[in-house]
Amino acid sequence: MKALKIFQILLVCLCMSAISFGQSTDEALKEWERAKAYTKEYLDVMPAGSYGLKPTPEMRSFAEQMLHLADANYGFTATITGEKAPYGFGALEKSQDQSKEAVTKMVMDSYDYVMAALKKMTPAELDGNIKFMNRFEMTRRVAFEKDFEHQTHHRGQTTVYIRLAGAKPPQEKLF
């Protein structure tokens, strides 16, 4: 009886984890589309003359933060797919043209790159394991989730930059 109860509890936990982590590709794409639109709002609201703004000298500028986010979108996705990234590691962040127009295009293109890769993935491929950064074993699905967390982190950091530039950050976009 006790073994049956433990088995039932484990089965419920397994089902719950499958529900929470088994996000379909369509659901993941909707989240990435929302993140792209939200990031575009951040890029749009920042005054063009403030893209070089750094809260302190040792910090990245607003443009560098956004380009770092884009670099990671390319890097994570290339690692996930096994394809060569269109840009070398950190290349966008070191870009000579960090104007509002150039940064916006590079960042938006990086989201398109992620979503194009996601669209090509079968559920079996998403659940397949990869070695990330030659150290971390994880599924491709989890690696996409790590990239999503990374872009959210850096976009969130730029809220302070926008306020320092005298602009109002976009309203939170959870849904």
N, C-alpha and C. Protein backbone atom coordinates (compact mmCIF):
# COMPACT_ATOMS: atom_id res chain seq x y z
N MET A 1 0.82 -1.19 0.00
CA MET A 1 0.00 0.00 0.00
C MET A 1 0.87 1.26 0.00
N LYS A 2 1.89 1.27 0.85
CA LYS A 2 2.77 2.43 0.93
C LYS A 2 3.50 2.65 -0.40
N ALA A 3 3.94 1.55 -1.04
CA ALA A 3 4.63 1.65 -2.33
C ALA A 3 3.70 2.21 -3.40
N LEU A 4 2.42 1.80 -3.36
CA LEU A 4 1.44 2.30 -4.32
C LEU A 4 1.24 3.81 -4.14
N LYS A 5 1.16 4.26 -2.90
CA LYS A 5 0.97 5.69 -2.62
C LYS A 5 2.18 6.49 -3.11
N ILE A 6 3.38 6.00 -2.87
CA ILE A 6 4.59 6.67 -3.33
C ILE A 6 4.59 6.73 -4.86
N PHE A 7 4.21 5.61 -5.49
CA PHE A 7 4.15 5.58 -6.95
C PHE A 7 3.15 6.61 -7.47
N GLN A 8 2.00 6.73 -6.83
CA GLN A 8 0.98 7.70 -7.26
C GLN A 8 1.50 9.13 -7.12
N ILE A 9 2.18 9.40 -6.02
CA ILE A 9 2.74 10.74 -5.80
C ILE A 9 3.79 11.04 -6.87
N LEU A 10 4.67 10.09 -7.15
CA LEU A 10 5.68 10.29 -8.18
C LEU A 10 5.05 10.49 -9.56
N LEU A 11 3.98 9.76 -9.84
CA LEU A 11 3.29 9.90 -11.11
C LEU A 11 2.68 11.30 -11.25
N VAL A 12 2.06 11.80 -10.19
CA VAL A 12 1.49 13.14 -10.21
C VAL A 12 2.60 14.18 -10.42
N CYS A 13 3.73 14.02 -9.72
CA CYS A 13 4.85 14.96 -9.88
C CYS A 13 5.39 14.93 -11.30
N LEU A 14 5.51 13.74 -11.87
CA LEU A 14 5.99 13.61 -13.23
C LEU A 14 5.05 14.29 -14.21
N CYS A 15 3.76 14.10 -14.02
CA CYS A 15 2.77 14.74 -14.90
C CYS A 15 2.82 16.26 -14.76
N MET A 16 2.96 16.75 -13.54
CA MET A 16 3.02 18.20 -13.32
C MET A 16 4.26 18.79 -13.98
N SER A 17 5.40 18.11 -13.87
CA SER A 17 6.61 18.64 -14.49
C SER A 17 6.50 18.59 -16.00
N ALA A 18 5.85 17.58 -16.54
CA ALA A 18 5.65 17.51 -17.99
C ALA A 18 4.76 18.65 -18.45
N ILE A 19 3.77 19.02 -17.64
CA ILE A 19 2.88 20.12 -18.00
C ILE A 19 3.64 21.44 -17.95
N SER A 20 4.41 21.67 -16.89
CA SER A 20 5.06 22.96 -16.74
C SER A 20 6.25 23.13 -17.69
N PHE A 21 6.99 22.07 -17.97
CA PHE A 21 8.16 22.20 -18.81
C PHE A 21 7.93 21.73 -20.25
N GLY A 22 6.79 21.15 -20.52
CA GLY A 22 6.51 20.62 -21.84
C GLY A 22 5.84 21.63 -22.74
N GLN A 23 6.29 22.86 -22.69
CA GLN A 23 5.72 23.92 -23.51
C GLN A 23 5.85 23.53 -24.97
N SER A 24 4.74 23.64 -25.71
CA SER A 24 4.77 23.30 -27.12
C SER A 24 5.58 24.35 -27.88
N THR A 25 5.98 23.99 -29.08
CA THR A 25 6.71 24.92 -29.92
C THR A 25 5.87 26.16 -30.20
N ASP A 26 4.56 25.96 -30.44
CA ASP A 26 3.68 27.11 -30.68
C ASP A 26 3.63 28.05 -29.49
N GLU A 27 3.57 27.48 -28.29
CA GLU A 27 3.57 28.31 -27.07
C GLU A 27 4.89 29.05 -26.92
N ALA A 28 5.99 28.36 -27.17
CA ALA A 28 7.31 28.98 -27.07
C ALA A 28 7.43 30.11 -28.09
N LEU A 29 6.94 29.89 -29.30
CA LEU A 29 6.99 30.93 -30.33
C LEU A 29 6.19 32.16 -29.93
N LYS A 30 5.02 31.94 -29.33
CA LYS A 30 4.21 33.07 -28.86
C LYS A 30 4.97 33.87 -27.81
N GLU A 31 5.67 33.18 -26.92
CA GLU A 31 6.45 33.88 -25.89
C GLU A 31 7.60 34.67 -26.51
N TRP A 32 8.28 34.08 -27.49
CA TRP A 32 9.37 34.80 -28.15
C TRP A 32 8.84 35.98 -28.95
N GLU A 33 7.68 35.83 -29.58
CA GLU A 33 7.08 36.96 -30.31
C GLU A 33 6.72 38.09 -29.34
N ARG A 34 6.19 37.73 -28.18
CA ARG A 34 5.87 38.73 -27.16
C ARG A 34 7.14 39.42 -26.68
N ALA A 35 8.20 38.64 -26.44
CA ALA A 35 9.47 39.21 -25.99
C ALA A 35 10.06 40.15 -27.05
N LYS A 36 9.94 39.77 -28.30
CA LYS A 36 10.44 40.62 -29.39
C LYS A 36 9.69 41.95 -29.40
N ALA A 37 8.37 41.88 -29.32
CA ALA A 37 7.55 43.11 -29.33
C ALA A 37 7.87 43.98 -28.12
N TYR A 38 8.06 43.36 -26.97
CA TYR A 38 8.37 44.08 -25.74
C TYR A 38 9.74 44.76 -25.86
N THR A 39 10.71 44.03 -26.37
CA THR A 39 12.05 44.60 -26.56
C THR A 39 12.01 45.75 -27.56
N LYS A 40 11.21 45.60 -28.60
CA LYS A 40 11.06 46.69 -29.59
C LYS A 40 10.52 47.95 -28.92
N GLU A 41 9.59 47.79 -27.98
CA GLU A 41 9.08 48.95 -27.25
C GLU A 41 10.20 49.64 -26.48
N TYR A 42 11.11 48.86 -25.88
CA TYR A 42 12.25 49.43 -25.16
C TYR A 42 13.16 50.19 -26.13
N LEU A 43 13.44 49.58 -27.27
CA LEU A 43 14.29 50.22 -28.27
C LEU A 43 13.65 51.50 -28.79
N ASP A 44 12.34 51.48 -28.98
CA ASP A 44 11.63 52.65 -29.50
C ASP A 44 11.58 53.79 -28.50
N VAL A 45 11.38 53.50 -27.23
CA VAL A 45 11.18 54.56 -26.24
C VAL A 45 12.50 55.25 -25.85
N MET A 46 13.61 54.57 -26.04
CA MET A 46 14.90 55.19 -25.70
C MET A 46 15.22 56.26 -26.74
N PRO A 47 15.46 57.49 -26.30
CA PRO A 47 15.81 58.54 -27.26
C PRO A 47 17.07 58.17 -28.05
N ALA A 48 17.07 58.47 -29.34
CA ALA A 48 18.19 58.12 -30.22
C ALA A 48 19.52 58.64 -29.68
N GLY A 49 19.51 59.82 -29.11
CA GLY A 49 20.73 60.41 -28.59
C GLY A 49 21.24 59.78 -27.31
N SER A 50 20.48 58.86 -26.74
CA SER A 50 20.86 58.22 -25.47
C SER A 50 21.30 56.77 -25.64
N TYR A 51 21.45 56.29 -26.87
CA TYR A 51 21.87 54.91 -27.08
C TYR A 51 23.29 54.66 -26.54
N GLY A 52 24.10 55.69 -26.42
CA GLY A 52 25.44 55.56 -25.87
C GLY A 52 25.50 55.77 -24.36
N LEU A 53 24.35 56.02 -23.73
CA LEU A 53 24.29 56.27 -22.29
C LEU A 53 24.80 55.09 -21.47
N LYS A 54 25.68 55.40 -20.52
CA LYS A 54 26.18 54.42 -19.55
C LYS A 54 25.88 54.97 -18.16
N PRO A 55 25.18 54.22 -17.31
CA PRO A 55 24.91 54.70 -15.96
C PRO A 55 26.19 54.98 -15.17
N THR A 56 27.22 54.16 -15.37
CA THR A 56 28.55 54.39 -14.80
C THR A 56 29.56 54.03 -15.89
N PRO A 57 30.76 54.55 -15.82
CA PRO A 57 31.73 54.32 -16.90
C PRO A 57 32.04 52.84 -17.19
N GLU A 58 32.01 52.01 -16.16
CA GLU A 58 32.38 50.61 -16.39
C GLU A 58 31.23 49.74 -16.90
N MET A 59 30.05 50.29 -16.97
CA MET A 59 28.89 49.54 -17.44
C MET A 59 28.76 49.63 -18.96
N ARG A 60 28.01 48.69 -19.52
CA ARG A 60 27.68 48.75 -20.94
C ARG A 60 26.77 49.94 -21.19
N SER A 61 26.83 50.45 -22.41
CA SER A 61 25.86 51.47 -22.82
C SER A 61 24.53 50.78 -23.10
N PHE A 62 23.49 51.58 -23.28
CA PHE A 62 22.18 51.02 -23.64
C PHE A 62 22.31 50.18 -24.91
N ALA A 63 22.97 50.75 -25.93
CA ALA A 63 23.15 50.01 -27.19
C ALA A 63 23.91 48.71 -26.96
N GLU A 64 24.97 48.77 -26.17
CA GLU A 64 25.76 47.56 -25.90
C GLU A 64 24.95 46.51 -25.15
N GLN A 65 24.10 46.92 -24.23
CA GLN A 65 23.23 45.97 -23.52
C GLN A 65 22.33 45.25 -24.52
N MET A 66 21.69 46.03 -25.39
CA MET A 66 20.78 45.43 -26.36
C MET A 66 21.52 44.55 -27.36
N LEU A 67 22.72 44.98 -27.76
CA LEU A 67 23.49 44.17 -28.69
C LEU A 67 24.05 42.92 -28.02
N HIS A 68 24.34 42.99 -26.73
CA HIS A 68 24.74 41.81 -25.97
C HIS A 68 23.59 40.80 -25.96
N LEU A 69 22.40 41.28 -25.74
CA LEU A 69 21.20 40.44 -25.78
C LEU A 69 21.11 39.75 -27.15
N ALA A 70 21.32 40.51 -28.22
CA ALA A 70 21.25 39.96 -29.57
C ALA A 70 22.36 38.94 -29.82
N ASP A 71 23.58 39.27 -29.37
CA ASP A 71 24.69 38.31 -29.51
C ASP A 71 24.34 36.98 -28.86
N ALA A 72 23.76 37.05 -27.67
CA ALA A 72 23.40 35.82 -26.96
C ALA A 72 22.29 35.07 -27.69
N ASN A 73 21.32 35.79 -28.25
CA ASN A 73 20.27 35.10 -29.01
C ASN A 73 20.89 34.28 -30.15
N TYR A 74 21.85 34.87 -30.85
CA TYR A 74 22.53 34.14 -31.92
C TYR A 74 23.38 32.99 -31.37
N GLY A 75 24.13 33.27 -30.32
CA GLY A 75 25.03 32.26 -29.76
C GLY A 75 24.29 31.07 -29.18
N PHE A 76 23.27 31.35 -28.37
CA PHE A 76 22.49 30.26 -27.80
C PHE A 76 21.86 29.42 -28.92
N THR A 77 21.25 30.10 -29.88
CA THR A 77 20.53 29.38 -30.93
C THR A 77 21.48 28.56 -31.79
N ALA A 78 22.63 29.10 -32.13
CA ALA A 78 23.60 28.34 -32.91
C ALA A 78 24.06 27.11 -32.14
N THR A 79 24.27 27.25 -30.85
CA THR A 79 24.65 26.09 -30.03
C THR A 79 23.54 25.06 -30.01
N ILE A 80 22.31 25.52 -29.87
CA ILE A 80 21.15 24.62 -29.81
C ILE A 80 20.99 23.86 -31.13
N THR A 81 21.15 24.55 -32.25
CA THR A 81 20.92 23.92 -33.55
C THR A 81 22.15 23.20 -34.09
N GLY A 82 23.32 23.54 -33.57
CA GLY A 82 24.55 22.95 -34.08
C GLY A 82 25.05 23.65 -35.34
N GLU A 83 24.38 24.74 -35.71
CA GLU A 83 24.79 25.51 -36.89
C GLU A 83 25.80 26.59 -36.50
N LYS A 84 26.51 27.08 -37.49
CA LYS A 84 27.45 28.17 -37.24
C LYS A 84 26.65 29.46 -37.08
N ALA A 85 26.96 30.23 -36.05
CA ALA A 85 26.28 31.50 -35.83
C ALA A 85 26.66 32.48 -36.94
N PRO A 86 25.71 33.33 -37.35
CA PRO A 86 26.02 34.30 -38.40
C PRO A 86 27.02 35.37 -37.96
N TYR A 87 27.21 35.51 -36.66
CA TYR A 87 28.15 36.49 -36.12
C TYR A 87 29.03 35.80 -35.08
N GLY A 88 30.27 36.24 -34.98
CA GLY A 88 31.16 35.71 -33.95
C GLY A 88 30.71 36.17 -32.57
N PHE A 89 31.18 35.48 -31.56
CA PHE A 89 30.80 35.79 -30.19
C PHE A 89 31.13 37.24 -29.85
N GLY A 90 30.13 38.00 -29.47
CA GLY A 90 30.32 39.39 -29.06
C GLY A 90 30.48 40.38 -30.20
N ALA A 91 30.32 39.92 -31.44
CA ALA A 91 30.56 40.79 -32.60
C ALA A 91 29.58 41.96 -32.66
N LEU A 92 28.32 41.72 -32.35
CA LEU A 92 27.34 42.79 -32.45
C LEU A 92 27.59 43.87 -31.40
N GLU A 93 27.92 43.43 -30.20
CA GLU A 93 28.17 44.39 -29.11
C GLU A 93 29.34 45.32 -29.45
N LYS A 94 30.25 44.84 -30.27
CA LYS A 94 31.41 45.65 -30.66
C LYS A 94 31.18 46.38 -31.99
N SER A 95 29.96 46.31 -32.49
CA SER A 95 29.61 46.94 -33.77
C SER A 95 29.94 48.43 -33.76
N GLN A 96 30.43 48.91 -34.89
CA GLN A 96 30.78 50.33 -35.02
C GLN A 96 29.53 51.21 -35.05
N ASP A 97 28.49 50.74 -35.72
CA ASP A 97 27.26 51.52 -35.84
C ASP A 97 26.30 51.12 -34.71
N GLN A 98 26.25 51.95 -33.68
CA GLN A 98 25.35 51.69 -32.56
C GLN A 98 24.25 52.74 -32.50
N SER A 99 23.83 53.16 -33.68
CA SER A 99 22.71 54.10 -33.77
C SER A 99 21.41 53.37 -33.44
N LYS A 100 20.40 54.14 -33.13
CA LYS A 100 19.09 53.56 -32.80
C LYS A 100 18.61 52.65 -33.93
N GLU A 101 18.72 53.10 -35.17
CA GLU A 101 18.24 52.32 -36.31
C GLU A 101 19.02 51.02 -36.46
N ALA A 102 20.34 51.09 -36.38
CA ALA A 102 21.18 49.90 -36.56
C ALA A 102 20.96 48.89 -35.43
N VAL A 103 20.93 49.40 -34.19
CA VAL A 103 20.74 48.51 -33.04
C VAL A 103 19.37 47.84 -33.12
N THR A 104 18.36 48.61 -33.43
CA THR A 104 17.01 48.04 -33.52
C THR A 104 16.98 46.92 -34.54
N LYS A 105 17.56 47.15 -35.70
CA LYS A 105 17.57 46.11 -36.74
C LYS A 105 18.31 44.86 -36.28
N MET A 106 19.49 45.04 -35.70
CA MET A 106 20.29 43.88 -35.27
C MET A 106 19.56 43.08 -34.19
N VAL A 107 18.94 43.77 -33.25
CA VAL A 107 18.23 43.09 -32.16
C VAL A 107 17.00 42.37 -32.69
N MET A 108 16.22 43.03 -33.53
CA MET A 108 15.02 42.39 -34.07
C MET A 108 15.39 41.18 -34.93
N ASP A 109 16.47 41.30 -35.71
CA ASP A 109 16.93 40.17 -36.52
C ASP A 109 17.32 38.98 -35.64
N SER A 110 17.88 39.26 -34.47
CA SER A 110 18.28 38.16 -33.57
C SER A 110 17.06 37.39 -33.06
N TYR A 111 15.98 38.09 -32.81
CA TYR A 111 14.75 37.41 -32.40
C TYR A 111 14.20 36.56 -33.54
N ASP A 112 14.27 37.09 -34.76
CA ASP A 112 13.81 36.32 -35.92
C ASP A 112 14.64 35.05 -36.09
N TYR A 113 15.93 35.14 -35.81
CA TYR A 113 16.83 33.98 -35.91
C TYR A 113 16.42 32.89 -34.91
N VAL A 114 16.13 33.31 -33.68
CA VAL A 114 15.70 32.35 -32.65
C VAL A 114 14.39 31.68 -33.08
N MET A 115 13.43 32.49 -33.50
CA MET A 115 12.11 31.95 -33.85
C MET A 115 12.16 31.06 -35.09
N ALA A 116 13.00 31.38 -36.06
CA ALA A 116 13.15 30.54 -37.24
C ALA A 116 13.70 29.17 -36.85
N ALA A 117 14.65 29.16 -35.92
CA ALA A 117 15.22 27.89 -35.46
C ALA A 117 14.17 27.08 -34.70
N LEU A 118 13.41 27.76 -33.85
CA LEU A 118 12.35 27.07 -33.10
C LEU A 118 11.33 26.43 -34.02
N LYS A 119 10.96 27.13 -35.08
CA LYS A 119 9.96 26.62 -36.03
C LYS A 119 10.41 25.34 -36.72
N LYS A 120 11.73 25.20 -36.90
CA LYS A 120 12.28 24.02 -37.58
C LYS A 120 12.38 22.80 -36.67
N MET A 121 12.31 23.01 -35.35
CA MET A 121 12.55 21.93 -34.38
C MET A 121 11.31 21.06 -34.18
N THR A 122 11.54 19.78 -34.20
CA THR A 122 10.47 18.84 -33.84
C THR A 122 10.48 18.70 -32.32
N PRO A 123 9.38 18.23 -31.74
CA PRO A 123 9.39 18.01 -30.29
C PRO A 123 10.52 17.07 -29.85
N ALA A 124 10.79 16.07 -30.65
CA ALA A 124 11.87 15.13 -30.30
C ALA A 124 13.22 15.83 -30.30
N GLU A 125 13.45 16.72 -31.26
CA GLU A 125 14.71 17.47 -31.30
C GLU A 125 14.81 18.40 -30.10
N LEU A 126 13.71 19.07 -29.77
CA LEU A 126 13.72 19.97 -28.61
C LEU A 126 14.04 19.23 -27.33
N ASP A 127 13.60 17.99 -27.24
CA ASP A 127 13.84 17.21 -26.02
C ASP A 127 15.17 16.47 -26.05
N GLY A 128 15.91 16.61 -27.16
CA GLY A 128 17.22 15.99 -27.26
C GLY A 128 18.25 16.77 -26.47
N ASN A 129 19.24 16.07 -25.96
CA ASN A 129 20.28 16.69 -25.14
C ASN A 129 21.38 17.31 -25.97
N ILE A 130 21.93 18.38 -25.44
CA ILE A 130 23.13 19.02 -26.00
C ILE A 130 24.06 19.33 -24.84
N LYS A 131 25.30 19.58 -25.18
CA LYS A 131 26.26 20.05 -24.18
C LYS A 131 26.44 21.53 -24.44
N PHE A 132 26.07 22.34 -23.48
CA PHE A 132 26.10 23.78 -23.65
C PHE A 132 27.36 24.35 -23.03
N MET A 133 28.07 25.18 -23.78
CA MET A 133 29.31 25.80 -23.34
C MET A 133 30.34 24.74 -22.93
N ASN A 134 30.25 23.59 -23.56
CA ASN A 134 31.14 22.45 -23.29
C ASN A 134 31.13 22.00 -21.83
N ARG A 135 30.09 22.40 -21.08
CA ARG A 135 30.05 22.05 -19.65
C ARG A 135 28.70 21.55 -19.18
N PHE A 136 27.64 22.13 -19.70
CA PHE A 136 26.32 21.87 -19.13
C PHE A 136 25.49 21.00 -20.05
N GLU A 137 25.07 19.88 -19.53
CA GLU A 137 24.19 18.96 -20.27
C GLU A 137 22.75 19.41 -20.03
N MET A 138 22.01 19.61 -21.13
CA MET A 138 20.61 20.01 -21.01
C MET A 138 19.89 19.72 -22.31
N THR A 139 18.58 19.77 -22.28
CA THR A 139 17.83 19.60 -23.52
C THR A 139 17.87 20.91 -24.30
N ARG A 140 17.59 20.81 -25.58
CA ARG A 140 17.51 22.03 -26.40
C ARG A 140 16.41 22.94 -25.88
N ARG A 141 15.32 22.35 -25.43
CA ARG A 141 14.20 23.13 -24.88
C ARG A 141 14.67 23.98 -23.70
N VAL A 142 15.44 23.38 -22.80
CA VAL A 142 15.95 24.11 -21.63
C VAL A 142 16.93 25.20 -22.09
N ALA A 143 17.74 24.91 -23.09
CA ALA A 143 18.68 25.92 -23.58
C ALA A 143 17.93 27.13 -24.15
N PHE A 144 16.82 26.88 -24.88
CA PHE A 144 16.00 28.00 -25.35
C PHE A 144 15.43 28.78 -24.17
N GLU A 145 15.04 28.07 -23.11
CA GLU A 145 14.51 28.74 -21.92
C GLU A 145 15.59 29.58 -21.24
N LYS A 146 16.82 29.09 -21.25
CA LYS A 146 17.94 29.86 -20.67
C LYS A 146 18.18 31.13 -21.49
N ASP A 147 18.10 31.01 -22.82
CA ASP A 147 18.24 32.20 -23.66
C ASP A 147 17.13 33.19 -23.38
N PHE A 148 15.91 32.68 -23.21
CA PHE A 148 14.78 33.56 -22.92
C PHE A 148 15.02 34.31 -21.61
N GLU A 149 15.51 33.59 -20.61
CA GLU A 149 15.81 34.21 -19.31
C GLU A 149 16.89 35.27 -19.47
N HIS A 150 17.90 34.98 -20.28
CA HIS A 150 19.00 35.92 -20.49
C HIS A 150 18.52 37.21 -21.13
N GLN A 151 17.71 37.11 -22.19
CA GLN A 151 17.24 38.33 -22.85
C GLN A 151 16.33 39.12 -21.94
N THR A 152 15.55 38.44 -21.13
CA THR A 152 14.68 39.13 -20.18
C THR A 152 15.51 39.91 -19.16
N HIS A 153 16.56 39.28 -18.69
CA HIS A 153 17.46 39.90 -17.70
C HIS A 153 18.05 41.20 -18.25
N HIS A 154 18.61 41.14 -19.45
CA HIS A 154 19.26 42.33 -19.99
C HIS A 154 18.27 43.41 -20.41
N ARG A 155 17.13 43.00 -20.94
CA ARG A 155 16.11 44.01 -21.25
C ARG A 155 15.70 44.72 -19.97
N GLY A 156 15.48 43.95 -18.91
CA GLY A 156 15.09 44.55 -17.63
C GLY A 156 16.12 45.52 -17.10
N GLN A 157 17.39 45.22 -17.28
CA GLN A 157 18.43 46.14 -16.83
C GLN A 157 18.33 47.49 -17.51
N THR A 158 17.88 47.51 -18.74
CA THR A 158 17.85 48.77 -19.47
C THR A 158 16.72 49.70 -19.03
N THR A 159 15.85 49.23 -18.16
CA THR A 159 14.81 50.10 -17.61
C THR A 159 15.44 51.32 -16.93
N VAL A 160 16.51 51.09 -16.20
CA VAL A 160 17.21 52.19 -15.51
C VAL A 160 17.79 53.17 -16.53
N TYR A 161 18.36 52.65 -17.60
CA TYR A 161 18.94 53.51 -18.63
C TYR A 161 17.86 54.44 -19.21
N ILE A 162 16.70 53.88 -19.48
CA ILE A 162 15.60 54.66 -20.06
C ILE A 162 15.19 55.77 -19.10
N ARG A 163 15.08 55.45 -17.83
CA ARG A 163 14.72 56.47 -16.84
C ARG A 163 15.80 57.54 -16.72
N LEU A 164 17.08 57.13 -16.76
CA LEU A 164 18.17 58.10 -16.71
C LEU A 164 18.16 59.04 -17.91
N ALA A 165 17.63 58.54 -19.03
CA ALA A 165 17.54 59.36 -20.25
C ALA A 165 16.31 60.27 -20.21
N GLY A 166 15.52 60.18 -19.13
CA GLY A 166 14.35 61.03 -19.00
C GLY A 166 13.11 60.52 -19.70
N ALA A 167 13.14 59.26 -20.12
CA ALA A 167 11.99 58.65 -20.80
C ALA A 167 11.29 57.69 -19.84
N LYS A 168 10.10 57.28 -20.21
CA LYS A 168 9.32 56.34 -19.40
C LYS A 168 9.38 54.95 -20.04
N PRO A 169 9.84 53.95 -19.27
CA PRO A 169 9.91 52.59 -19.81
C PRO A 169 8.53 52.06 -20.19
N PRO A 170 8.48 51.11 -21.11
CA PRO A 170 7.21 50.52 -21.49
C PRO A 170 6.54 49.83 -20.30
N GLN A 171 5.23 49.75 -20.36
CA GLN A 171 4.46 49.02 -19.35
C GLN A 171 4.81 47.54 -19.45
N GLU A 172 4.84 46.85 -18.33
CA GLU A 172 5.13 45.42 -18.32
C GLU A 172 4.20 44.70 -19.29
N LYS A 173 4.74 43.71 -19.97
CA LYS A 173 4.01 42.99 -21.02
C LYS A 173 4.08 41.49 -20.72
N LEU A 174 3.33 41.04 -19.72
CA LEU A 174 3.35 39.63 -19.36
C LEU A 174 2.54 38.76 -20.31
N PHE A 175 1.54 39.35 -20.93
CA PHE A 175 0.63 38.54 -21.75
C PHE A 175 0.45 39.15 -23.13
